[in-house]
Amino acid sequence: MRKRLVAGNWKMNTDMNSGYLLLKDLLSEIKEDDLKSCDVHVYAPFTHLKVFHNSLNGSGIVLGAQNCHHKDSGAYTGEVSAEMLASVPVQSVLVGHSERREYCNETNEILAEKVTVALRNGLDVIYCFGETLEQREGGDHFAVVETQIKNGLGHLNAEDWSKVTIAYEPVWAIGTGKTASAEQAQEIHKHARTLIKQIANETVANNTRILYGGSVKPGNASELFGMADIDGGLIGGAALDANSFAGIIRA
């Protein structure tokens, strides 16, 4: 049975002081019993990682980074490599978040390189995928998801897949006033699991966790997590409030 996972993506929020206070609140809110049935990850800004590693050591909460570069090293001013992240150390990295795809023009081919370099440096990966409003309304959502998963992850072997979680982000339902129902989310999650079975095998597909990343809150988390193929959430705004984040974990 796949263990649930709730991952908080802080994005470009909090300075060092406010971030540390939020982390302290999280550690106070999240109890030992919460971690028995649900894994918890925190994806913090690069500037926070070393201090957060020291604070989270022994807590049972996994520390992750929000991105890494697709090359091992070189003349890439301002970038951060997977090797650098592993040296902090962090345990996991987000790859292919919809905001990175949109604002930084990250292609599936670049993301495939990021996945490879992250795994090579001992990091687990959460690989994000999802369609835009235009793609959803055009009926292209299944094809878009298939391309993103196959081109970004199709090169992995079974051992690699054991270190990969994927996260569905319905870009069309984020900041548009539209809402993805639990049934719509489940439909894409089921499709994604079928794709993994095609490119890997049934065992890998059954073992891979698929998260939902579309405005999850304590009020809708139980319904979403009750779906057969939804194994937890990639949480944005609610991750910046310790009480809300803990509520989602308990759901």
C-alpha atoms as a PDB file:
ATOM      1  CA  MET A   1       0.000   0.000   0.000  1.00  0.00           C
ATOM      2  CA  ARG A   2       1.337   3.425  -0.944  1.00  0.00           C
ATOM      3  CA  LYS A   3       2.019   5.653   2.060  1.00  0.00           C
ATOM      4  CA  ARG A   4       0.458   9.096   1.769  1.00  0.00           C
ATOM      5  CA  LEU A   5       2.690  12.109   1.166  1.00  0.00           C
ATOM      6  CA  VAL A   6       2.001  15.783   1.834  1.00  0.00           C
ATOM      7  CA  ALA A   7       4.655  18.097   0.419  1.00  0.00           C
ATOM      8  CA  GLY A   8       4.751  21.827   1.137  1.00  0.00           C
ATOM      9  CA  ASN A   9       6.161  24.036  -1.624  1.00  0.00           C
ATOM     10  CA  TRP A  10       6.998  27.421  -0.119  1.00  0.00           C
ATOM     11  CA  LYS A  11       7.869  28.924  -3.524  1.00  0.00           C
ATOM     12  CA  MET A  12       9.477  32.404  -3.282  1.00  0.00           C
ATOM     13  CA  ASN A  13       8.066  33.227   0.141  1.00  0.00           C
ATOM     14  CA  THR A  14       9.527  34.089   3.567  1.00  0.00           C
ATOM     15  CA  ASP A  15      12.857  35.626   4.447  1.00  0.00           C
ATOM     16  CA  MET A  16      15.234  33.742   6.727  1.00  0.00           C
ATOM     17  CA  ASN A  17      13.655  34.999   9.939  1.00  0.00           C
ATOM     18  CA  SER A  18       9.989  34.523   9.023  1.00  0.00           C
ATOM     19  CA  GLY A  19      10.814  31.188   7.397  1.00  0.00           C
ATOM     20  CA  TYR A  20      12.477  29.927  10.547  1.00  0.00           C
ATOM     21  CA  LEU A  21       9.470  30.988  12.632  1.00  0.00           C
ATOM     22  CA  LEU A  22       7.124  29.185  10.236  1.00  0.00           C
ATOM     23  CA  LEU A  23       9.256  26.058  10.448  1.00  0.00           C
ATOM     24  CA  LYS A  24       9.121  26.186  14.250  1.00  0.00           C
ATOM     25  CA  ASP A  25       5.333  26.466  14.065  1.00  0.00           C
ATOM     26  CA  LEU A  26       5.209  23.453  11.725  1.00  0.00           C
ATOM     27  CA  LEU A  27       7.345  21.386  14.058  1.00  0.00           C
ATOM     28  CA  SER A  28       5.025  22.317  16.895  1.00  0.00           C
ATOM     29  CA  GLU A  29       1.848  21.478  14.931  1.00  0.00           C
ATOM     30  CA  ILE A  30       2.972  18.200  13.331  1.00  0.00           C
ATOM     31  CA  LYS A  31       2.889  15.378  15.852  1.00  0.00           C
ATOM     32  CA  GLU A  32       4.717  12.062  15.842  1.00  0.00           C
ATOM     33  CA  ASP A  33       1.465  10.203  15.173  1.00  0.00           C
ATOM     34  CA  ASP A  34       0.883  12.323  12.052  1.00  0.00           C
ATOM     35  CA  LEU A  35       4.069  10.944  10.515  1.00  0.00           C
ATOM     36  CA  LYS A  36       3.133   7.293  11.037  1.00  0.00           C
ATOM     37  CA  SER A  37       0.604   7.245   8.203  1.00  0.00           C
ATOM     38  CA  CYS A  38       1.787  10.216   6.139  1.00  0.00           C
ATOM     39  CA  ASP A  39       5.205  11.323   4.915  1.00  0.00           C
ATOM     40  CA  VAL A  40       5.818  15.075   5.107  1.00  0.00           C
ATOM     41  CA  HIS A  41       8.188  17.099   2.907  1.00  0.00           C
ATOM     42  CA  VAL A  42       9.109  20.794   3.047  1.00  0.00           C
ATOM     43  CA  TYR A  43      10.464  22.424  -0.130  1.00  0.00           C
ATOM     44  CA  ALA A  44      12.043  25.648   1.082  1.00  0.00           C
ATOM     45  CA  PRO A  45      13.925  28.481  -0.679  1.00  0.00           C
ATOM     46  CA  PHE A  46      17.607  27.823  -1.359  1.00  0.00           C
ATOM     47  CA  THR A  47      18.668  30.437   1.220  1.00  0.00           C
ATOM     48  CA  HIS A  48      16.962  28.497   4.023  1.00  0.00           C
ATOM     49  CA  LEU A  49      18.190  24.987   3.335  1.00  0.00           C
ATOM     50  CA  LYS A  50      21.258  24.648   5.566  1.00  0.00           C
ATOM     51  CA  VAL A  51      19.558  26.123   8.629  1.00  0.00           C
ATOM     52  CA  PHE A  52      16.438  24.072   7.978  1.00  0.00           C
ATOM     53  CA  HIS A  53      18.471  20.878   7.664  1.00  0.00           C
ATOM     54  CA  ASN A  54      19.852  21.433  11.144  1.00  0.00           C
ATOM     55  CA  SER A  55      16.375  22.171  12.535  1.00  0.00           C
ATOM     56  CA  LEU A  56      14.664  19.196  10.860  1.00  0.00           C
ATOM     57  CA  ASN A  57      17.371  16.646  11.635  1.00  0.00           C
ATOM     58  CA  GLY A  58      15.696  13.765  13.459  1.00  0.00           C
ATOM     59  CA  SER A  59      12.186  15.200  13.035  1.00  0.00           C
ATOM     60  CA  GLY A  60      11.044  12.708  10.398  1.00  0.00           C
ATOM     61  CA  ILE A  61      10.222  15.549   7.997  1.00  0.00           C
ATOM     62  CA  VAL A  62      12.064  15.474   4.661  1.00  0.00           C
ATOM     63  CA  LEU A  63      13.783  18.645   3.456  1.00  0.00           C
ATOM     64  CA  GLY A  64      13.711  19.368  -0.262  1.00  0.00           C
ATOM     65  CA  ALA A  65      14.738  22.043  -2.754  1.00  0.00           C
ATOM     66  CA  GLN A  66      12.443  23.630  -5.317  1.00  0.00           C
ATOM     67  CA  ASN A  67      14.705  23.198  -8.346  1.00  0.00           C
ATOM     68  CA  CYS A  68      18.126  22.153  -9.590  1.00  0.00           C
ATOM     69  CA  HIS A  69      20.084  22.796 -12.779  1.00  0.00           C
ATOM     70  CA  HIS A  70      20.176  20.156 -15.494  1.00  0.00           C
ATOM     71  CA  LYS A  71      23.985  20.150 -15.739  1.00  0.00           C
ATOM     72  CA  ASP A  72      26.449  18.891 -13.142  1.00  0.00           C
ATOM     73  CA  SER A  73      28.509  22.102 -13.026  1.00  0.00           C
ATOM     74  CA  GLY A  74      29.828  24.888 -15.211  1.00  0.00           C
ATOM     75  CA  ALA A  75      29.432  28.530 -16.188  1.00  0.00           C
ATOM     76  CA  TYR A  76      25.783  28.868 -15.171  1.00  0.00           C
ATOM     77  CA  THR A  77      25.765  31.970 -12.996  1.00  0.00           C
ATOM     78  CA  GLY A  78      23.024  32.003 -10.405  1.00  0.00           C
ATOM     79  CA  GLU A  79      22.120  28.333 -10.790  1.00  0.00           C
ATOM     80  CA  VAL A  80      22.283  25.550  -8.190  1.00  0.00           C
ATOM     81  CA  SER A  81      23.391  22.014  -9.022  1.00  0.00           C
ATOM     82  CA  ALA A  82      22.085  18.738  -7.670  1.00  0.00           C
ATOM     83  CA  GLU A  83      25.511  18.038  -6.187  1.00  0.00           C
ATOM     84  CA  MET A  84      25.332  21.318  -4.249  1.00  0.00           C
ATOM     85  CA  LEU A  85      21.925  20.382  -2.884  1.00  0.00           C
ATOM     86  CA  ALA A  86      23.097  16.915  -1.875  1.00  0.00           C
ATOM     87  CA  SER A  87      25.959  18.495   0.063  1.00  0.00           C
ATOM     88  CA  VAL A  88      23.586  20.560   2.275  1.00  0.00           C
ATOM     89  CA  PRO A  89      22.202  17.861   2.513  1.00  0.00           C
ATOM     90  CA  VAL A  90      18.654  17.867   1.183  1.00  0.00           C
ATOM     91  CA  GLN A  91      16.887  14.624   0.350  1.00  0.00           C
ATOM     92  CA  SER A  92      14.582  15.599  -2.494  1.00  0.00           C
ATOM     93  CA  VAL A  93      14.017  18.129  -5.272  1.00  0.00           C
ATOM     94  CA  LEU A  94      11.024  19.391  -7.253  1.00  0.00           C
ATOM     95  CA  VAL A  95      11.390  19.115 -11.026  1.00  0.00           C
ATOM     96  CA  GLY A  96       9.089  20.563 -13.674  1.00  0.00           C
ATOM     97  CA  HIS A  97       6.781  22.698 -11.551  1.00  0.00           C
ATOM     98  CA  SER A  98       4.244  24.478 -13.772  1.00  0.00           C
ATOM     99  CA  GLU A  99       5.729  27.855 -12.845  1.00  0.00           C
ATOM    100  CA  ARG A 100       9.173  26.713 -13.973  1.00  0.00           C
ATOM    101  CA  ARG A 101       7.715  25.395 -17.213  1.00  0.00           C
ATOM    102  CA  GLU A 102       5.872  28.671 -17.868  1.00  0.00           C
ATOM    103  CA  TYR A 103       8.246  31.369 -16.616  1.00  0.00           C
ATOM    104  CA  CYS A 104      11.585  29.668 -17.295  1.00  0.00           C
ATOM    105  CA  ASN A 105      10.648  27.863 -20.519  1.00  0.00           C
ATOM    106  CA  GLU A 106      11.690  24.479 -19.180  1.00  0.00           C
ATOM    107  CA  THR A 107      11.039  21.754 -21.735  1.00  0.00           C
ATOM    108  CA  ASN A 108      10.358  18.079 -21.089  1.00  0.00           C
ATOM    109  CA  GLU A 109      13.812  17.304 -22.489  1.00  0.00           C
ATOM    110  CA  ILE A 110      15.533  19.655 -20.025  1.00  0.00           C
ATOM    111  CA  LEU A 111      13.433  18.206 -17.217  1.00  0.00           C
ATOM    112  CA  ALA A 112      14.512  14.684 -18.179  1.00  0.00           C
ATOM    113  CA  GLU A 113      18.122  15.835 -17.715  1.00  0.00           C
ATOM    114  CA  LYS A 114      17.235  17.346 -14.332  1.00  0.00           C
ATOM    115  CA  VAL A 115      15.663  14.091 -13.188  1.00  0.00           C
ATOM    116  CA  THR A 116      18.763  12.165 -14.267  1.00  0.00           C
ATOM    117  CA  VAL A 117      21.244  14.474 -12.558  1.00  0.00           C
ATOM    118  CA  ALA A 118      19.172  14.597  -9.373  1.00  0.00           C
ATOM    119  CA  LEU A 119      18.942  10.808  -9.109  1.00  0.00           C
ATOM    120  CA  ARG A 120      22.649  10.452  -9.901  1.00  0.00           C
ATOM    121  CA  ASN A 121      23.397  12.675  -6.894  1.00  0.00           C
ATOM    122  CA  GLY A 122      21.225  10.631  -4.541  1.00  0.00           C
ATOM    123  CA  LEU A 123      18.203  12.940  -4.472  1.00  0.00           C
ATOM    124  CA  ASP A 124      14.606  11.796  -4.650  1.00  0.00           C
ATOM    125  CA  VAL A 125      12.444  13.628  -7.189  1.00  0.00           C
ATOM    126  CA  ILE A 126       8.910  14.978  -7.332  1.00  0.00           C
ATOM    127  CA  TYR A 127       8.191  15.441 -11.043  1.00  0.00           C
ATOM    128  CA  CYS A 128       5.317  17.800 -11.841  1.00  0.00           C
ATOM    129  CA  PHE A 129       2.996  17.649 -14.837  1.00  0.00           C
ATOM    130  CA  GLY A 130      -0.326  19.130 -15.917  1.00  0.00           C
ATOM    131  CA  GLU A 131      -2.247  20.945 -18.609  1.00  0.00           C
ATOM    132  CA  THR A 132      -3.197  24.600 -19.131  1.00  0.00           C
ATOM    133  CA  LEU A 133      -6.707  25.991 -19.514  1.00  0.00           C
ATOM    134  CA  GLU A 134      -6.314  26.193 -23.303  1.00  0.00           C
ATOM    135  CA  GLN A 135      -5.170  22.577 -23.458  1.00  0.00           C
ATOM    136  CA  ARG A 136      -8.010  21.396 -21.197  1.00  0.00           C
ATOM    137  CA  GLU A 137     -10.697  23.271 -23.155  1.00  0.00           C
ATOM    138  CA  GLY A 138      -9.196  22.013 -26.419  1.00  0.00           C
ATOM    139  CA  GLY A 139      -9.499  18.422 -25.251  1.00  0.00           C
ATOM    140  CA  ASP A 140      -5.736  17.912 -25.356  1.00  0.00           C
ATOM    141  CA  HIS A 141      -5.221  17.246 -21.646  1.00  0.00           C
ATOM    142  CA  PHE A 142      -4.636  13.493 -21.905  1.00  0.00           C
ATOM    143  CA  ALA A 143      -2.136  13.947 -24.744  1.00  0.00           C
ATOM    144  CA  VAL A 144      -0.294  16.746 -22.910  1.00  0.00           C
ATOM    145  CA  VAL A 145       0.037  14.664 -19.753  1.00  0.00           C
ATOM    146  CA  GLU A 146       1.241  11.679 -21.777  1.00  0.00           C
ATOM    147  CA  THR A 147       3.947  13.744 -23.482  1.00  0.00           C
ATOM    148  CA  GLN A 148       5.122  15.293 -20.223  1.00  0.00           C
ATOM    149  CA  ILE A 149       5.396  11.951 -18.444  1.00  0.00           C
ATOM    150  CA  LYS A 150       6.864   9.911 -21.295  1.00  0.00           C
ATOM    151  CA  ASN A 151       9.398  12.560 -22.407  1.00  0.00           C
ATOM    152  CA  GLY A 152      10.404  13.521 -18.884  1.00  0.00           C
ATOM    153  CA  LEU A 153      10.486  10.093 -17.228  1.00  0.00           C
ATOM    154  CA  GLY A 154      10.439   7.503 -20.003  1.00  0.00           C
ATOM    155  CA  HIS A 155      14.185   6.898 -19.719  1.00  0.00           C
ATOM    156  CA  LEU A 156      14.046   5.666 -16.110  1.00  0.00           C
ATOM    157  CA  ASN A 157      14.547   2.079 -14.991  1.00  0.00           C
ATOM    158  CA  ALA A 158      12.641   0.369 -12.184  1.00  0.00           C
ATOM    159  CA  GLU A 159      15.227   1.313  -9.546  1.00  0.00           C
ATOM    160  CA  ASP A 160      15.032   4.962 -10.611  1.00  0.00           C
ATOM    161  CA  TRP A 161      11.259   4.910 -10.339  1.00  0.00           C
ATOM    162  CA  SER A 162      11.504   3.866  -6.682  1.00  0.00           C
ATOM    163  CA  LYS A 163      12.928   7.337  -5.985  1.00  0.00           C
ATOM    164  CA  VAL A 164      10.370   9.276  -8.033  1.00  0.00           C
ATOM    165  CA  THR A 165       6.988  10.705  -7.083  1.00  0.00           C
ATOM    166  CA  ILE A 166       4.869  12.535  -9.642  1.00  0.00           C
ATOM    167  CA  ALA A 167       2.500  15.448  -8.993  1.00  0.00           C
ATOM    168  CA  TYR A 168      -0.446  16.511 -11.133  1.00  0.00           C
ATOM    169  CA  GLU A 169      -1.002  20.263 -11.333  1.00  0.00           C
ATOM    170  CA  PRO A 170      -4.159  21.307 -13.193  1.00  0.00           C
ATOM    171  CA  VAL A 171      -2.758  24.655 -14.329  1.00  0.00           C
ATOM    172  CA  TRP A 172      -6.224  25.530 -15.684  1.00  0.00           C
ATOM    173  CA  ALA A 173      -7.681  25.427 -12.171  1.00  0.00           C
ATOM    174  CA  ILE A 174      -5.048  27.571 -10.464  1.00  0.00           C
ATOM    175  CA  GLY A 175      -5.841  31.303 -10.359  1.00  0.00           C
ATOM    176  CA  THR A 176      -8.524  31.037 -13.057  1.00  0.00           C
ATOM    177  CA  GLY A 177     -11.644  30.882 -10.909  1.00  0.00           C
ATOM    178  CA  LYS A 178     -12.285  27.358 -12.197  1.00  0.00           C
ATOM    179  CA  THR A 179     -12.162  24.359  -9.896  1.00  0.00           C
ATOM    180  CA  ALA A 180     -10.982  20.816 -10.538  1.00  0.00           C
ATOM    181  CA  SER A 181     -13.340  18.322  -8.939  1.00  0.00           C
ATOM    182  CA  ALA A 182     -12.043  15.276  -7.109  1.00  0.00           C
ATOM    183  CA  GLU A 183     -13.386  13.172  -9.972  1.00  0.00           C
ATOM    184  CA  GLN A 184     -11.486  15.229 -12.579  1.00  0.00           C
ATOM    185  CA  ALA A 185      -8.302  14.909 -10.536  1.00  0.00           C
ATOM    186  CA  GLN A 186      -8.791  11.155 -10.166  1.00  0.00           C
ATOM    187  CA  GLU A 187      -9.338  10.790 -13.915  1.00  0.00           C
ATOM    188  CA  ILE A 188      -5.909  12.283 -14.669  1.00  0.00           C
ATOM    189  CA  HIS A 189      -4.217  10.382 -11.836  1.00  0.00           C
ATOM    190  CA  LYS A 190      -5.599   7.104 -13.161  1.00  0.00           C
ATOM    191  CA  HIS A 191      -4.412   8.024 -16.658  1.00  0.00           C
ATOM    192  CA  ALA A 192      -0.938   8.834 -15.307  1.00  0.00           C
ATOM    193  CA  ARG A 193      -0.719   5.487 -13.516  1.00  0.00           C
ATOM    194  CA  THR A 194      -1.671   3.706 -16.730  1.00  0.00           C
ATOM    195  CA  LEU A 195       1.105   5.579 -18.546  1.00  0.00           C
ATOM    196  CA  ILE A 196       3.659   4.508 -15.929  1.00  0.00           C
ATOM    197  CA  LYS A 197       2.571   0.902 -16.412  1.00  0.00           C
ATOM    198  CA  GLN A 198       3.182   1.300 -20.158  1.00  0.00           C
ATOM    199  CA  ILE A 199       6.650   2.834 -19.859  1.00  0.00           C
ATOM    200  CA  ALA A 200       7.828   0.800 -16.847  1.00  0.00           C
ATOM    201  CA  ASN A 201       5.697  -2.076 -15.534  1.00  0.00           C
ATOM    202  CA  GLU A 202       2.652  -2.807 -13.386  1.00  0.00           C
ATOM    203  CA  THR A 203       4.643  -3.099 -10.152  1.00  0.00           C
ATOM    204  CA  VAL A 204       6.252   0.300 -10.673  1.00  0.00           C
ATOM    205  CA  ALA A 205       2.864   1.806 -11.537  1.00  0.00           C
ATOM    206  CA  ASN A 206       1.256   0.373  -8.410  1.00  0.00           C
ATOM    207  CA  ASN A 207       4.096   1.577  -6.170  1.00  0.00           C
ATOM    208  CA  THR A 208       4.553   5.101  -7.545  1.00  0.00           C
ATOM    209  CA  ARG A 209       2.910   7.860  -5.536  1.00  0.00           C
ATOM    210  CA  ILE A 210       0.918  10.436  -7.490  1.00  0.00           C
ATOM    211  CA  LEU A 211       0.174  13.728  -5.729  1.00  0.00           C
ATOM    212  CA  TYR A 212      -2.468  16.324  -6.496  1.00  0.00           C
ATOM    213  CA  GLY A 213      -1.353  19.960  -6.636  1.00  0.00           C
ATOM    214  CA  GLY A 214      -4.400  22.128  -7.190  1.00  0.00           C
ATOM    215  CA  SER A 215      -5.336  24.394  -4.267  1.00  0.00           C
ATOM    216  CA  VAL A 216      -5.568  21.654  -1.638  1.00  0.00           C
ATOM    217  CA  LYS A 217      -6.931  22.883   1.701  1.00  0.00           C
ATOM    218  CA  PRO A 218      -8.021  21.184   4.939  1.00  0.00           C
ATOM    219  CA  GLY A 219     -11.625  21.456   3.740  1.00  0.00           C
ATOM    220  CA  ASN A 220     -11.182  19.505   0.499  1.00  0.00           C
ATOM    221  CA  ALA A 221      -8.215  17.283   1.337  1.00  0.00           C
ATOM    222  CA  SER A 222     -10.223  14.325   2.630  1.00  0.00           C
ATOM    223  CA  GLU A 223     -12.342  14.103  -0.529  1.00  0.00           C
ATOM    224  CA  LEU A 224      -9.282  14.330  -2.781  1.00  0.00           C
ATOM    225  CA  PHE A 225      -7.193  11.869  -0.782  1.00  0.00           C
ATOM    226  CA  GLY A 226     -10.113   9.439  -0.759  1.00  0.00           C
ATOM    227  CA  MET A 227      -9.731   8.888  -4.510  1.00  0.00           C
ATOM    228  CA  ALA A 228      -8.103   5.593  -5.489  1.00  0.00           C
ATOM    229  CA  ASP A 229      -5.105   7.034  -7.325  1.00  0.00           C
ATOM    230  CA  ILE A 230      -4.491  10.236  -5.341  1.00  0.00           C
ATOM    231  CA  ASP A 231      -1.737   9.563  -2.811  1.00  0.00           C
ATOM    232  CA  GLY A 232      -1.395  12.990  -1.222  1.00  0.00           C
ATOM    233  CA  GLY A 233      -0.810  16.592  -2.161  1.00  0.00           C
ATOM    234  CA  LEU A 234       1.765  19.103  -3.349  1.00  0.00           C
ATOM    235  CA  ILE A 235       0.656  22.097  -1.306  1.00  0.00           C
ATOM    236  CA  GLY A 236       1.325  25.744  -2.169  1.00  0.00           C
ATOM    237  CA  GLY A 237      -0.473  28.518  -0.272  1.00  0.00           C
ATOM    238  CA  ALA A 238      -1.736  26.344   2.576  1.00  0.00           C
ATOM    239  CA  ALA A 239       1.846  25.217   3.275  1.00  0.00           C
ATOM    240  CA  LEU A 240       2.604  28.736   4.517  1.00  0.00           C
ATOM    241  CA  ASP A 241       0.179  28.356   7.414  1.00  0.00           C
ATOM    242  CA  ALA A 242       1.225  25.776   9.982  1.00  0.00           C
ATOM    243  CA  ASN A 243      -2.319  25.022  11.160  1.00  0.00           C
ATOM    244  CA  SER A 244      -3.662  24.545   7.610  1.00  0.00           C
ATOM    245  CA  PHE A 245      -0.715  22.393   6.577  1.00  0.00           C
ATOM    246  CA  ALA A 246      -1.136  20.186   9.657  1.00  0.00           C
ATOM    247  CA  GLY A 247      -4.857  19.903   8.883  1.00  0.00           C
ATOM    248  CA  ILE A 248      -4.099  18.612   5.397  1.00  0.00           C
ATOM    249  CA  ILE A 249      -1.629  16.082   6.823  1.00  0.00           C
ATOM    250  CA  ARG A 250      -4.284  14.777   9.231  1.00  0.00           C
ATOM    251  CA  ALA A 251      -6.770  14.440   6.376  1.00  0.00           C
END
